[in-house]
């Protein structure tokens, strides 16, 4: 029935609208530090089976194929790709890039909940504590690390050791040890916005380790990891999504024309 084609094509347009929203978010975050792009995955809906494969016909023969009509499509999931983004050299002593699979750990000051991020743009708050993000709204690095106000230089080694130098003392003083979190299934992390993730039952619990061990990756001071969005690929996806949307709309138009023809026949 042409009525069914209208509903089936409508599921295609609705799913493609979701994919378009995903592409738009990827493009909007093309310059977001540490951003990981998403991909919309689709799956077909259930089928109306008129003849089952292997059924016996009137002559007791088994049908080699069945007759089934699909009823559309839906978005199965949006999947985050955690491929490494490009590095940008900034020269800022509190900028870090993670060369590997690990996540920086931070603590929410309101809920005391552990959160995770790939954005390494650190700063110091009014108490001299390392925070991720701006000094006013940033979240404390976990484990907490504090730098004295008279520090004249901060160094962060590849394995996460934070040290500083004070006036009149050429020796570096140890301030703390940065740690990274690893997940069995990072795609199961829940995105919270503000470059933050929280663990879920799908991601598994965080495995804390020092940088440079267990595949967590090492740290690069004076660098930032850029977004892993590939604009050319997103533009191609945008074009194909638009064309697919137009094709589904043409199916709806064709189904409407058939219904109009049937209605005109009934009037005669």
Protein backbone atom coordinates (compact mmCIF):
# COMPACT_ATOMS: atom_id res chain seq x y z
CA UNK A 1 0.00 0.00 0.00
CA UNK A 2 1.20 3.48 -0.79
CA UNK A 3 0.18 4.57 2.72
CA UNK A 4 2.88 2.30 4.13
CA UNK A 5 5.48 3.89 1.89
CA UNK A 6 4.68 7.28 3.44
CA UNK A 7 5.37 6.04 6.95
CA UNK A 8 8.47 4.09 5.88
CA UNK A 9 9.99 7.08 4.10
CA UNK A 10 9.12 9.25 7.10
CA UNK A 11 11.29 7.04 9.36
CA UNK A 12 14.14 7.58 6.90
CA UNK A 13 13.74 11.35 7.00
CA UNK A 14 13.54 11.37 10.80
CA UNK A 15 16.68 9.23 11.13
CA UNK A 16 18.55 11.37 8.63
CA UNK A 17 17.57 14.46 10.60
CA UNK A 18 19.30 12.94 13.62
CA UNK A 19 22.38 12.22 11.52
CA UNK A 20 22.33 15.81 10.29
CA UNK A 21 22.29 17.00 13.92
CA UNK A 22 25.32 14.81 14.66
CA UNK A 23 27.19 16.21 11.66
CA UNK A 24 26.29 19.76 12.70
CA UNK A 25 27.67 19.17 16.20
CA UNK A 26 30.89 17.72 14.76
CA UNK A 27 31.36 20.72 12.48
CA UNK A 28 30.57 23.16 15.28
CA UNK A 29 33.33 21.59 17.41
CA UNK A 30 35.99 21.46 14.71
CA UNK A 31 38.15 23.80 16.84
CA UNK A 32 37.24 22.42 20.28
CA UNK A 33 40.27 21.19 22.23
CA UNK A 34 40.27 17.41 22.64
CA UNK A 35 36.83 16.97 21.02
CA UNK A 36 35.98 13.52 19.68
CA UNK A 37 33.60 13.28 16.72
CA UNK A 38 30.40 11.22 16.73
CA UNK A 39 28.88 8.97 14.09
CA UNK A 40 25.22 8.00 13.71
CA UNK A 41 24.57 4.28 13.25
CA UNK A 42 21.34 3.00 11.72
CA UNK A 43 19.37 -0.25 11.84
CA UNK A 44 16.33 -1.44 9.91
CA UNK A 45 13.00 -1.86 11.68
CA UNK A 46 10.91 -5.04 11.79
CA UNK A 47 9.38 -6.61 8.69
CA UNK A 48 5.91 -7.61 7.55
CA UNK A 49 6.37 -11.22 6.44
CA UNK A 50 3.77 -12.30 3.92
CA UNK A 51 5.52 -15.54 2.94
CA UNK A 52 8.21 -17.12 5.08
CA UNK A 53 11.31 -18.62 3.45
CA UNK A 54 11.06 -22.41 3.34
CA UNK A 55 7.27 -22.48 3.49
CA UNK A 56 5.41 -25.10 1.45
CA UNK A 57 3.34 -23.95 -1.50
CA UNK A 58 0.22 -25.63 -2.94
CA UNK A 59 2.38 -28.17 -4.78
CA UNK A 60 4.24 -29.08 -1.53
CA UNK A 61 7.37 -27.36 -2.76
CA UNK A 62 9.50 -25.29 -0.40
CA UNK A 63 9.78 -21.65 -1.34
CA UNK A 64 13.43 -20.65 -1.84
CA UNK A 65 12.80 -17.11 -0.69
CA UNK A 66 10.12 -15.39 1.29
CA UNK A 67 8.14 -12.23 0.80
CA UNK A 68 8.80 -9.59 3.40
CA UNK A 69 8.45 -5.82 3.35
CA UNK A 70 10.56 -3.64 5.59
CA UNK A 71 8.95 -0.90 7.65
CA UNK A 72 11.73 1.63 7.80
CA UNK A 73 14.83 2.60 9.73
CA UNK A 74 15.85 4.12 13.03
CA UNK A 75 19.01 5.43 14.69
CA UNK A 76 20.65 2.57 16.56
CA UNK A 77 23.28 4.65 18.33
CA UNK A 78 25.65 7.57 18.10
CA UNK A 79 29.19 6.28 18.39
CA UNK A 80 32.16 8.38 19.47
CA UNK A 81 35.47 7.87 17.68
CA UNK A 82 38.45 8.24 20.02
CA UNK A 83 41.13 8.48 17.36
CA UNK A 84 44.05 10.73 18.21
CA UNK A 85 43.68 14.36 17.20
CA UNK A 86 46.50 16.46 15.78
CA UNK A 87 48.84 18.31 18.16
CA UNK A 88 49.20 22.07 18.23
CA UNK A 89 52.26 23.60 19.84
CA UNK A 90 51.33 26.46 22.16
CA UNK A 91 54.44 26.83 24.30
CA UNK A 92 52.27 27.43 27.37
CA UNK A 93 53.68 25.53 30.37
CA UNK A 94 50.24 24.43 31.57
CA UNK A 95 49.06 23.07 28.22
CA UNK A 96 49.17 19.29 27.96
CA UNK A 97 48.47 16.85 25.16
CA UNK A 98 47.90 13.16 25.84
CA UNK A 99 49.70 10.99 23.31
CA UNK A 100 47.72 7.82 23.88
CA UNK A 101 44.37 6.51 25.09
CA UNK A 102 44.25 7.96 28.59
CA UNK A 103 42.04 10.66 30.11
CA UNK A 104 42.89 13.35 32.62
CA UNK A 105 40.93 12.96 35.84
CA UNK A 106 39.17 15.90 37.46
CA UNK A 107 36.84 16.35 40.43
CA UNK A 108 33.55 18.22 40.28
CA UNK A 109 33.66 20.81 43.13
CA UNK A 110 29.90 20.55 43.75
CA UNK A 111 29.26 16.80 43.63
CA UNK A 112 32.85 15.58 44.28
CA UNK A 113 32.26 13.21 41.35
CA UNK A 114 35.18 12.00 39.27
CA UNK A 115 35.04 13.26 35.68
CA UNK A 116 37.35 12.69 32.73
CA UNK A 117 38.61 14.80 29.85
CA UNK A 118 40.99 14.83 26.91
CA UNK A 119 41.35 18.61 27.01
CA UNK A 120 44.69 19.52 28.56
CA UNK A 121 44.35 23.29 28.80
CA UNK A 122 45.24 23.56 32.49
CA UNK A 123 45.39 26.69 34.60
CA UNK A 124 45.82 27.74 38.22
CA UNK A 125 42.98 28.90 40.43
CA UNK A 126 43.21 31.49 43.20
CA UNK A 127 44.63 28.88 45.60
CA UNK A 128 47.37 27.83 43.18
CA UNK A 129 45.69 24.49 42.42
CA UNK A 130 45.80 22.95 38.96
CA UNK A 131 42.41 22.98 37.27
CA UNK A 132 41.15 21.96 33.84
CA UNK A 133 39.55 24.88 32.01
CA UNK A 134 39.42 28.48 33.17
CA UNK A 135 40.70 29.49 36.60
CA UNK A 136 37.19 30.62 37.60
CA UNK A 137 35.10 27.63 36.49
CA UNK A 138 37.77 24.94 36.16
CA UNK A 139 37.59 21.60 37.93
CA UNK A 140 40.40 20.40 40.17
CA UNK A 141 42.87 17.93 38.71
CA UNK A 142 42.73 14.58 40.49
CA UNK A 143 45.03 13.90 42.36
CA UNK A 144 45.13 17.52 43.51
CA UNK A 145 48.33 19.46 42.77
CA UNK A 146 49.17 22.88 44.23
CA UNK A 147 51.81 25.33 43.01
CA UNK A 148 53.23 28.05 45.32
CA UNK A 149 52.55 31.64 44.36
CA UNK A 150 56.25 32.46 44.07
CA UNK A 151 56.94 29.67 41.57
CA UNK A 152 58.82 31.02 38.55
CA UNK A 153 58.67 27.94 36.37
CA UNK A 154 56.54 24.81 36.05
CA UNK A 155 57.64 21.67 34.29
CA UNK A 156 55.55 18.59 33.55
CA UNK A 157 57.42 15.49 32.48
CA UNK A 158 56.18 12.91 29.99
CA UNK A 159 55.37 10.55 32.86
CA UNK A 160 53.25 13.16 34.66
CA UNK A 161 55.62 14.49 37.34
CA UNK A 162 54.86 18.15 38.09
CA UNK A 163 57.73 20.28 39.40
CA UNK A 164 58.38 23.97 39.94
CA UNK A 165 61.28 26.32 40.63
CA UNK A 166 61.39 29.05 43.25
CA UNK A 167 63.49 32.22 43.33
CA UNK A 168 66.96 31.69 44.72
CA UNK A 169 66.72 27.91 44.48
CA UNK A 170 67.97 26.28 41.27
CA UNK A 171 66.62 22.88 42.31
CA UNK A 172 63.24 21.76 41.03
CA UNK A 173 60.67 21.08 43.73
CA UNK A 174 58.17 18.25 43.24
CA UNK A 175 54.52 19.34 43.38
CA UNK A 176 52.75 16.09 42.58
CA UNK A 177 52.05 13.32 40.10
CA UNK A 178 49.46 13.54 37.34
CA UNK A 179 47.59 10.34 36.62
CA UNK A 180 45.54 9.15 33.66
CA UNK A 181 42.41 7.02 33.52
CA UNK A 182 41.87 4.12 31.15
CA UNK A 183 38.59 2.44 30.21
CA UNK A 184 37.80 -0.97 28.82
CA UNK A 185 35.20 0.61 26.52
CA UNK A 186 35.73 4.37 26.16
CA UNK A 187 32.84 4.55 23.68
CA UNK A 188 30.57 3.79 26.63
CA UNK A 189 31.47 7.05 28.38
CA UNK A 190 28.69 9.58 28.80
CA UNK A 191 29.36 13.03 27.35
CA UNK A 192 28.47 15.87 29.72
CA UNK A 193 29.62 18.85 27.68
CA UNK A 194 32.47 21.21 28.66
CA UNK A 195 34.89 18.55 27.28
CA UNK A 196 33.92 16.23 30.15
CA UNK A 197 32.95 12.57 30.35
CA UNK A 198 31.59 10.40 33.15
CA UNK A 199 31.96 6.64 33.43
CA UNK A 200 28.97 4.32 33.00
CA UNK A 201 28.28 0.61 33.30
CA UNK A 202 29.02 0.39 29.57
CA UNK A 203 32.46 2.00 29.83
CA UNK A 204 33.52 0.13 32.94
CA UNK A 205 35.28 1.66 35.91
CA UNK A 206 38.31 3.85 35.45
CA UNK A 207 41.73 2.22 35.69
CA UNK A 208 44.12 4.79 37.14
CA UNK A 209 47.73 4.68 36.05
CA UNK A 210 50.72 6.92 35.59
CA UNK A 211 51.34 8.36 32.12
CA UNK A 212 53.52 6.13 29.98
CA UNK A 213 52.23 2.88 31.45
CA UNK A 214 49.52 0.38 30.42
CA UNK A 215 49.00 2.13 27.10
CA UNK A 216 47.61 5.27 28.72
CA UNK A 217 50.02 7.43 26.76
CA UNK A 218 52.57 10.05 27.70
CA UNK A 219 52.12 13.77 28.26
CA UNK A 220 53.47 16.54 26.04
CA UNK A 221 53.95 19.87 27.79
CA UNK A 222 53.33 22.95 25.70
CA UNK A 223 50.99 21.18 23.30
CA UNK A 224 47.22 20.76 22.95
CA UNK A 225 45.31 17.98 21.22
CA UNK A 226 43.00 19.40 18.58
CA UNK A 227 39.59 18.07 17.62
CA UNK A 228 39.69 14.84 15.61
CA UNK A 229 36.88 16.06 13.33
CA UNK A 230 37.82 15.70 9.65
CA UNK A 231 36.00 18.57 7.87
CA UNK A 232 36.25 17.01 4.39
CA UNK A 233 34.65 13.77 5.56
CA UNK A 234 31.95 15.68 7.42
CA UNK A 235 31.16 17.71 4.31
CA UNK A 236 30.85 14.52 2.26
CA UNK A 237 28.55 13.04 4.90
CA UNK A 238 26.56 16.25 4.83
CA UNK A 239 26.07 16.02 1.07
CA UNK A 240 25.12 12.32 1.11
CA UNK A 241 22.72 12.91 4.03
CA UNK A 242 21.05 15.75 2.15
CA UNK A 243 20.67 13.61 -0.99
CA UNK A 244 19.28 10.71 1.03
CA UNK A 245 16.81 13.07 2.68
CA UNK A 246 15.70 14.30 -0.75
CA UNK A 247 15.22 10.73 -2.00
CA UNK A 248 13.02 9.87 0.96
CA UNK A 249 10.98 13.00 0.37
CA UNK A 250 10.52 11.92 -3.26
CA UNK A 251 9.20 8.56 -2.03
CA UNK A 252 6.63 10.41 0.06
CA UNK A 253 5.71 12.55 -2.95
CA UNK A 254 5.33 9.42 -5.14
CA UNK A 255 3.16 7.73 -2.50
CA UNK A 256 1.02 10.84 -2.24
CA UNK A 257 0.57 10.94 -6.02
CA UNK A 258 -0.60 7.31 -6.02
CA UNK A 259 -3.09 8.05 -3.26
CA UNK A 260 -4.32 11.08 -5.18
CA UNK A 261 -4.79 8.94 -8.31
CA UNK A 262 -6.76 6.34 -6.34
CA UNK A 263 -8.90 9.08 -4.81
CA UNK A 264 -9.65 10.53 -8.24
CA UNK A 265 -10.66 7.08 -9.49
CA UNK A 266 -13.06 6.69 -6.60
CA UNK A 267 -14.76 9.98 -7.47
CA UNK A 268 -15.50 8.94 -11.04
